[in-house]
Amino acid sequence: MPDDTSFVWPADGAIQVTSLPGGGCNIKITFTDHGVVRSIGKGRIIKVKNVPTRRIARQFDFTIRHDHDFESSYSIVDQTPHAGEGNANPLRSLGAYVDDGGELYDIRNGGCLHFQLFRAGKLVDPREYIRDQSVTMSDSAAPSSGS
């Protein structure tokens, strides 16, 4: 059965790719100002976590389960100072269904996204599955562990 799975980039911004020795890679997307983090494809949110931090920044983790045994992981750092109840940026809820490119979080004053893609529990390179490659990337390959 051919694998015709394809996804979209989770955000626009400066992208840094760090290849990992065991396969796959980490992707970091930096936002200098405003940016929207989106789901790379249709799926269901299986993890939403507000990560406590001592800094002004806020941090959130999302995991989305997609078809064909894929899971996408989003770790978002938002530099927006902690807002009062009425001004909080609402999070998507656990179990919610998201569409291809559906908004997960709106970064308003700078921050970053650390993104990873897993297939059958194994880290993979998302660039092999993303259909739009028109983004600015820089590779920073991890040093090889060769002798």
N, C-alpha and C. Protein backbone atom coordinates (compact mmCIF):
# COMPACT_ATOMS: atom_id res chain seq x y z
N MET A 1 0.84 -1.18 0.00
CA MET A 1 0.00 0.00 0.00
C MET A 1 0.89 1.25 0.00
N PRO A 2 0.77 2.12 -0.99
CA PRO A 2 1.62 3.32 -1.02
C PRO A 2 1.25 4.27 0.12
N ASP A 3 2.26 4.96 0.60
CA ASP A 3 2.05 5.91 1.70
C ASP A 3 1.87 7.29 1.10
N ASP A 4 0.63 7.79 1.08
CA ASP A 4 0.37 9.10 0.49
C ASP A 4 0.08 10.14 1.57
N THR A 5 0.58 9.90 2.78
CA THR A 5 0.38 10.83 3.88
C THR A 5 1.15 12.11 3.63
N SER A 6 0.49 13.24 3.81
CA SER A 6 1.19 14.52 3.71
C SER A 6 0.61 15.50 4.72
N PHE A 7 1.47 16.36 5.20
CA PHE A 7 1.12 17.34 6.23
C PHE A 7 1.51 18.74 5.77
N VAL A 8 1.14 19.74 6.58
CA VAL A 8 1.54 21.12 6.34
C VAL A 8 2.48 21.56 7.46
N TRP A 9 3.23 22.62 7.24
CA TRP A 9 4.10 23.14 8.29
C TRP A 9 3.24 23.66 9.44
N PRO A 10 3.68 23.48 10.68
CA PRO A 10 2.89 23.91 11.82
C PRO A 10 2.91 25.42 12.06
N ALA A 11 3.81 26.14 11.41
CA ALA A 11 3.90 27.59 11.61
C ALA A 11 4.81 28.18 10.55
N ASP A 12 4.69 29.50 10.37
CA ASP A 12 5.60 30.24 9.51
C ASP A 12 6.61 30.93 10.42
N GLY A 13 7.85 30.98 9.98
CA GLY A 13 8.89 31.64 10.76
C GLY A 13 10.24 31.04 10.40
N ALA A 14 11.27 31.52 11.07
CA ALA A 14 12.61 31.00 10.85
C ALA A 14 12.68 29.59 11.43
N ILE A 15 13.08 28.62 10.60
CA ILE A 15 13.08 27.22 11.00
C ILE A 15 14.51 26.72 11.12
N GLN A 16 14.79 26.08 12.24
CA GLN A 16 16.09 25.44 12.46
C GLN A 16 15.84 23.95 12.62
N VAL A 17 16.55 23.14 11.84
CA VAL A 17 16.40 21.69 11.88
C VAL A 17 17.65 21.09 12.48
N THR A 18 17.48 20.28 13.51
CA THR A 18 18.60 19.58 14.13
C THR A 18 18.39 18.08 13.92
N SER A 19 19.23 17.48 13.06
CA SER A 19 19.15 16.05 12.81
C SER A 19 19.68 15.30 14.03
N LEU A 20 19.05 14.17 14.32
CA LEU A 20 19.44 13.38 15.49
C LEU A 20 20.12 12.09 15.06
N PRO A 21 21.13 11.64 15.80
CA PRO A 21 21.89 10.45 15.41
C PRO A 21 21.03 9.20 15.25
N GLY A 22 19.96 9.05 16.05
CA GLY A 22 19.12 7.86 15.97
C GLY A 22 18.06 7.94 14.88
N GLY A 23 18.07 9.01 14.11
CA GLY A 23 17.05 9.21 13.08
C GLY A 23 16.07 10.29 13.51
N GLY A 24 15.38 10.83 12.56
CA GLY A 24 14.44 11.91 12.85
C GLY A 24 15.18 13.20 13.12
N CYS A 25 14.43 14.19 13.59
CA CYS A 25 15.03 15.49 13.86
C CYS A 25 14.12 16.31 14.77
N ASN A 26 14.71 17.35 15.34
CA ASN A 26 13.96 18.35 16.08
C ASN A 26 13.83 19.57 15.18
N ILE A 27 12.67 20.19 15.20
CA ILE A 27 12.45 21.40 14.41
C ILE A 27 12.08 22.52 15.38
N LYS A 28 12.78 23.65 15.26
CA LYS A 28 12.47 24.82 16.07
C LYS A 28 12.07 25.95 15.13
N ILE A 29 10.91 26.53 15.40
CA ILE A 29 10.44 27.67 14.62
C ILE A 29 10.35 28.85 15.57
N THR A 30 11.03 29.95 15.21
CA THR A 30 11.10 31.13 16.07
C THR A 30 10.18 32.22 15.54
N PHE A 31 9.47 32.85 16.48
CA PHE A 31 8.57 33.96 16.16
C PHE A 31 9.15 35.22 16.79
N THR A 32 9.45 36.24 15.98
CA THR A 32 9.96 37.49 16.53
C THR A 32 8.83 38.34 17.09
N ASP A 33 7.65 38.12 16.61
CA ASP A 33 6.49 38.90 17.06
C ASP A 33 5.29 37.96 17.13
N HIS A 34 4.33 38.14 16.26
CA HIS A 34 3.11 37.33 16.24
C HIS A 34 3.31 36.07 15.41
N GLY A 35 2.69 34.97 15.82
CA GLY A 35 2.72 33.74 15.04
C GLY A 35 1.63 32.79 15.49
N VAL A 36 1.15 31.99 14.57
CA VAL A 36 0.10 31.03 14.89
C VAL A 36 0.66 29.62 14.72
N VAL A 37 0.46 28.80 15.74
CA VAL A 37 0.86 27.39 15.69
C VAL A 37 -0.37 26.61 15.26
N ARG A 38 -0.19 25.78 14.22
CA ARG A 38 -1.30 25.02 13.65
C ARG A 38 -1.01 23.52 13.66
N SER A 39 -2.07 22.74 13.63
CA SER A 39 -1.93 21.30 13.49
C SER A 39 -1.41 20.99 12.09
N ILE A 40 -0.49 20.04 11.99
CA ILE A 40 0.07 19.68 10.68
C ILE A 40 -0.92 18.89 9.83
N GLY A 41 -1.95 18.35 10.47
CA GLY A 41 -2.94 17.57 9.75
C GLY A 41 -4.13 17.26 10.64
N LYS A 42 -5.14 16.63 10.07
CA LYS A 42 -6.33 16.25 10.83
C LYS A 42 -5.95 15.29 11.93
N GLY A 43 -6.61 15.43 13.07
CA GLY A 43 -6.34 14.50 14.15
C GLY A 43 -7.07 14.89 15.42
N ARG A 44 -6.77 14.16 16.48
CA ARG A 44 -7.40 14.40 17.77
C ARG A 44 -6.31 14.74 18.79
N ILE A 45 -6.56 15.76 19.59
CA ILE A 45 -5.59 16.18 20.62
C ILE A 45 -5.61 15.14 21.75
N ILE A 46 -4.45 14.53 22.00
CA ILE A 46 -4.37 13.51 23.05
C ILE A 46 -3.57 13.99 24.26
N LYS A 47 -2.98 15.19 24.16
CA LYS A 47 -2.25 15.76 25.30
C LYS A 47 -2.31 17.27 25.20
N VAL A 48 -2.66 17.92 26.31
CA VAL A 48 -2.59 19.37 26.44
C VAL A 48 -2.02 19.61 27.83
N LYS A 49 -0.92 20.33 27.89
CA LYS A 49 -0.29 20.56 29.19
C LYS A 49 0.19 22.00 29.29
N ASN A 50 -0.19 22.68 30.36
CA ASN A 50 0.33 24.00 30.68
C ASN A 50 1.55 23.75 31.57
N VAL A 51 2.74 24.02 31.06
CA VAL A 51 3.98 23.73 31.77
C VAL A 51 4.32 24.91 32.67
N PRO A 52 4.39 24.69 34.00
CA PRO A 52 4.75 25.80 34.89
C PRO A 52 6.16 26.31 34.59
N THR A 53 6.31 27.62 34.64
CA THR A 53 7.61 28.23 34.39
C THR A 53 7.80 29.40 35.35
N ARG A 54 9.03 29.66 35.71
CA ARG A 54 9.34 30.77 36.63
C ARG A 54 9.62 32.05 35.85
N ARG A 55 9.70 31.93 34.54
CA ARG A 55 9.98 33.10 33.71
C ARG A 55 8.67 33.80 33.37
N ILE A 56 8.80 34.94 32.72
CA ILE A 56 7.63 35.66 32.24
C ILE A 56 6.91 34.84 31.16
N ALA A 57 7.68 34.07 30.40
CA ALA A 57 7.11 33.29 29.31
C ALA A 57 6.15 32.22 29.83
N ARG A 58 5.25 31.81 28.94
CA ARG A 58 4.35 30.68 29.21
C ARG A 58 4.76 29.54 28.30
N GLN A 59 4.54 28.30 28.75
CA GLN A 59 4.89 27.15 27.94
C GLN A 59 3.75 26.14 27.94
N PHE A 60 3.48 25.60 26.74
CA PHE A 60 2.40 24.64 26.56
C PHE A 60 2.88 23.49 25.70
N ASP A 61 2.41 22.29 26.00
CA ASP A 61 2.71 21.12 25.17
C ASP A 61 1.41 20.54 24.64
N PHE A 62 1.41 20.20 23.36
CA PHE A 62 0.28 19.54 22.70
C PHE A 62 0.80 18.29 22.01
N THR A 63 0.01 17.25 21.97
CA THR A 63 0.28 16.09 21.13
C THR A 63 -1.01 15.76 20.39
N ILE A 64 -0.88 15.51 19.09
CA ILE A 64 -2.03 15.19 18.25
C ILE A 64 -1.80 13.84 17.59
N ARG A 65 -2.83 12.98 17.67
CA ARG A 65 -2.77 11.68 17.00
C ARG A 65 -3.45 11.83 15.63
N HIS A 66 -2.71 11.41 14.59
CA HIS A 66 -3.18 11.47 13.21
C HIS A 66 -3.38 10.05 12.67
N ASP A 67 -3.98 9.96 11.49
CA ASP A 67 -4.12 8.66 10.82
C ASP A 67 -2.74 8.08 10.49
N HIS A 68 -2.72 6.81 10.14
CA HIS A 68 -1.52 6.10 9.69
C HIS A 68 -0.43 6.04 10.77
N ASP A 69 -0.86 6.02 12.05
CA ASP A 69 0.04 5.83 13.19
C ASP A 69 1.02 6.99 13.41
N PHE A 70 0.63 8.22 13.02
CA PHE A 70 1.45 9.41 13.24
C PHE A 70 0.99 10.14 14.50
N GLU A 71 1.94 10.74 15.20
CA GLU A 71 1.66 11.67 16.30
C GLU A 71 2.59 12.86 16.13
N SER A 72 2.02 14.07 16.26
CA SER A 72 2.82 15.28 16.18
C SER A 72 2.88 15.91 17.57
N SER A 73 4.06 16.43 17.91
CA SER A 73 4.30 16.99 19.24
C SER A 73 4.72 18.45 19.09
N TYR A 74 4.07 19.32 19.87
CA TYR A 74 4.28 20.77 19.81
C TYR A 74 4.61 21.27 21.21
N SER A 75 5.78 21.84 21.39
CA SER A 75 6.14 22.49 22.65
C SER A 75 6.27 23.97 22.35
N ILE A 76 5.35 24.77 22.91
CA ILE A 76 5.24 26.19 22.57
C ILE A 76 5.71 27.04 23.73
N VAL A 77 6.61 27.99 23.45
CA VAL A 77 7.03 28.98 24.43
C VAL A 77 6.52 30.33 23.94
N ASP A 78 5.69 30.96 24.76
CA ASP A 78 5.07 32.25 24.42
C ASP A 78 5.66 33.31 25.34
N GLN A 79 6.30 34.32 24.76
CA GLN A 79 6.94 35.38 25.54
C GLN A 79 5.96 36.42 26.06
N THR A 80 4.68 36.28 25.72
CA THR A 80 3.67 37.21 26.21
C THR A 80 3.59 37.10 27.73
N PRO A 81 3.66 38.20 28.45
CA PRO A 81 3.55 38.12 29.91
C PRO A 81 2.22 37.47 30.32
N HIS A 82 2.24 36.85 31.48
CA HIS A 82 1.02 36.21 31.98
C HIS A 82 -0.13 37.21 31.97
N ALA A 83 -1.21 36.83 31.33
CA ALA A 83 -2.37 37.70 31.20
C ALA A 83 -3.40 37.38 32.28
N GLY A 84 -4.22 38.35 32.57
CA GLY A 84 -5.31 38.11 33.51
C GLY A 84 -6.34 37.19 32.91
N GLU A 85 -7.28 36.72 33.69
CA GLU A 85 -8.29 35.78 33.24
C GLU A 85 -8.97 36.20 31.96
N GLY A 86 -9.38 37.44 31.84
CA GLY A 86 -10.11 37.89 30.67
C GLY A 86 -9.26 37.99 29.42
N ASN A 87 -7.94 38.05 29.57
CA ASN A 87 -7.05 38.22 28.43
C ASN A 87 -6.27 36.96 28.08
N ALA A 88 -6.58 35.85 28.74
CA ALA A 88 -5.83 34.62 28.50
C ALA A 88 -6.07 34.11 27.08
N ASN A 89 -5.03 33.53 26.49
CA ASN A 89 -5.12 32.94 25.17
C ASN A 89 -5.69 31.53 25.35
N PRO A 90 -6.90 31.26 24.90
CA PRO A 90 -7.52 29.96 25.19
C PRO A 90 -6.79 28.81 24.52
N LEU A 91 -6.68 27.71 25.22
CA LEU A 91 -6.04 26.51 24.69
C LEU A 91 -7.10 25.58 24.11
N ARG A 92 -6.71 24.81 23.12
CA ARG A 92 -7.59 23.76 22.61
C ARG A 92 -7.70 22.69 23.68
N SER A 93 -8.82 22.01 23.75
CA SER A 93 -9.05 21.06 24.83
C SER A 93 -8.67 19.63 24.45
N LEU A 94 -8.35 18.86 25.47
CA LEU A 94 -8.02 17.46 25.33
C LEU A 94 -9.19 16.74 24.65
N GLY A 95 -8.89 15.91 23.67
CA GLY A 95 -9.92 15.16 22.96
C GLY A 95 -10.53 15.90 21.78
N ALA A 96 -10.21 17.20 21.63
CA ALA A 96 -10.78 17.98 20.53
C ALA A 96 -10.23 17.49 19.19
N TYR A 97 -11.07 17.54 18.18
CA TYR A 97 -10.67 17.21 16.82
C TYR A 97 -10.13 18.49 16.17
N VAL A 98 -9.02 18.37 15.44
CA VAL A 98 -8.47 19.51 14.72
C VAL A 98 -8.37 19.18 13.24
N ASP A 99 -8.59 20.18 12.42
CA ASP A 99 -8.49 20.03 10.97
C ASP A 99 -7.06 20.21 10.51
N ASP A 100 -6.83 19.88 9.27
CA ASP A 100 -5.56 20.12 8.60
C ASP A 100 -5.28 21.61 8.66
N GLY A 101 -4.24 22.03 9.36
CA GLY A 101 -3.91 23.44 9.50
C GLY A 101 -4.73 24.17 10.56
N GLY A 102 -5.47 23.43 11.40
CA GLY A 102 -6.29 24.05 12.44
C GLY A 102 -5.44 24.73 13.51
N GLU A 103 -5.88 25.91 13.95
CA GLU A 103 -5.12 26.69 14.93
C GLU A 103 -5.09 26.00 16.29
N LEU A 104 -3.87 25.90 16.86
CA LEU A 104 -3.68 25.36 18.21
C LEU A 104 -3.42 26.47 19.22
N TYR A 105 -2.62 27.48 18.79
CA TYR A 105 -2.22 28.52 19.73
C TYR A 105 -1.79 29.76 18.96
N ASP A 106 -2.09 30.94 19.51
CA ASP A 106 -1.76 32.22 18.90
C ASP A 106 -0.69 32.91 19.75
N ILE A 107 0.55 32.95 19.25
CA ILE A 107 1.63 33.65 19.94
C ILE A 107 1.54 35.12 19.57
N ARG A 108 1.48 35.98 20.56
CA ARG A 108 1.22 37.40 20.29
C ARG A 108 2.45 38.30 20.37
N ASN A 109 3.46 37.92 21.16
CA ASN A 109 4.61 38.81 21.35
C ASN A 109 5.95 38.08 21.28
N GLY A 110 6.07 37.14 20.39
CA GLY A 110 7.32 36.42 20.23
C GLY A 110 7.36 35.14 21.03
N GLY A 111 8.20 34.24 20.56
CA GLY A 111 8.35 32.94 21.23
C GLY A 111 8.90 31.93 20.25
N CYS A 112 8.67 30.65 20.55
CA CYS A 112 9.15 29.61 19.64
C CYS A 112 8.31 28.35 19.77
N LEU A 113 8.45 27.50 18.79
CA LEU A 113 7.80 26.20 18.75
C LEU A 113 8.88 25.15 18.54
N HIS A 114 8.89 24.12 19.39
CA HIS A 114 9.73 22.95 19.18
C HIS A 114 8.77 21.86 18.70
N PHE A 115 9.05 21.31 17.52
CA PHE A 115 8.12 20.40 16.87
C PHE A 115 8.82 19.07 16.54
N GLN A 116 8.10 17.97 16.75
CA GLN A 116 8.60 16.65 16.37
C GLN A 116 7.45 15.84 15.79
N LEU A 117 7.80 14.87 14.94
CA LEU A 117 6.82 13.97 14.35
C LEU A 117 7.25 12.53 14.61
N PHE A 118 6.29 11.74 15.06
CA PHE A 118 6.54 10.33 15.36
C PHE A 118 5.64 9.48 14.47
N ARG A 119 6.15 8.31 14.10
CA ARG A 119 5.34 7.32 13.40
C ARG A 119 5.58 5.97 14.07
N ALA A 120 4.50 5.38 14.52
CA ALA A 120 4.57 4.11 15.26
C ALA A 120 5.53 4.23 16.44
N GLY A 121 5.50 5.39 17.10
CA GLY A 121 6.33 5.61 18.28
C GLY A 121 7.78 5.96 18.01
N LYS A 122 8.16 6.02 16.74
CA LYS A 122 9.55 6.32 16.38
C LYS A 122 9.64 7.71 15.77
N LEU A 123 10.63 8.49 16.22
CA LEU A 123 10.86 9.84 15.71
C LEU A 123 11.25 9.77 14.23
N VAL A 124 10.57 10.57 13.40
CA VAL A 124 10.86 10.62 11.96
C VAL A 124 11.13 12.07 11.56
N ASP A 125 11.64 12.24 10.35
CA ASP A 125 11.91 13.58 9.82
C ASP A 125 10.64 14.10 9.16
N PRO A 126 10.01 15.13 9.73
CA PRO A 126 8.74 15.62 9.17
C PRO A 126 8.86 16.15 7.75
N ARG A 127 10.05 16.57 7.34
CA ARG A 127 10.22 17.11 5.99
C ARG A 127 9.91 16.07 4.91
N GLU A 128 9.97 14.79 5.27
CA GLU A 128 9.64 13.73 4.32
C GLU A 128 8.13 13.66 4.06
N TYR A 129 7.33 14.26 4.95
CA TYR A 129 5.88 14.15 4.87
C TYR A 129 5.18 15.49 4.66
N ILE A 130 5.92 16.59 4.69
CA ILE A 130 5.31 17.92 4.56
C ILE A 130 5.26 18.31 3.09
N ARG A 131 4.07 18.69 2.63
CA ARG A 131 3.87 18.94 1.20
C ARG A 131 4.33 20.30 0.74
N ASP A 132 4.42 21.29 1.62
CA ASP A 132 4.85 22.63 1.22
C ASP A 132 6.24 22.87 1.79
N GLN A 133 7.24 22.87 0.94
CA GLN A 133 8.62 23.03 1.39
C GLN A 133 9.13 24.46 1.22
N SER A 134 8.24 25.43 0.99
CA SER A 134 8.65 26.81 0.73
C SER A 134 8.82 27.60 2.02
N VAL A 135 9.74 27.16 2.86
CA VAL A 135 10.03 27.85 4.11
C VAL A 135 11.54 28.05 4.22
N THR A 136 11.96 28.97 5.07
CA THR A 136 13.37 29.23 5.28
C THR A 136 13.89 28.29 6.37
N MET A 137 14.87 27.47 6.02
CA MET A 137 15.38 26.49 6.96
C MET A 137 16.89 26.59 7.09
N SER A 138 17.38 26.25 8.27
CA SER A 138 18.81 26.08 8.44
C SER A 138 19.02 24.74 9.13
N ASP A 139 19.93 23.94 8.57
CA ASP A 139 20.24 22.64 9.15
C ASP A 139 21.38 22.79 10.13
N SER A 140 21.22 22.20 11.29
CA SER A 140 22.32 22.13 12.25
C SER A 140 22.40 20.69 12.69
N ALA A 141 23.03 19.90 11.84
CA ALA A 141 23.12 18.47 12.08
C ALA A 141 23.90 18.19 13.36
N ALA A 142 23.41 17.24 14.12
CA ALA A 142 24.11 16.82 15.34
C ALA A 142 25.39 16.13 14.93
N PRO A 143 26.45 16.26 15.74
CA PRO A 143 27.69 15.59 15.39
C PRO A 143 27.48 14.08 15.35
N SER A 144 28.07 13.43 14.35
CA SER A 144 27.92 11.98 14.25
C SER A 144 28.74 11.29 15.33
N SER A 145 28.28 10.13 15.71
CA SER A 145 28.98 9.40 16.76
C SER A 145 29.92 8.37 16.16
N GLY A 146 30.38 8.61 14.93
CA GLY A 146 31.30 7.70 14.27
C GLY A 146 32.67 7.74 14.91
N SER A 147 33.49 6.68 14.62
CA SER A 147 34.80 6.63 15.27
C SER A 147 35.85 7.36 14.51
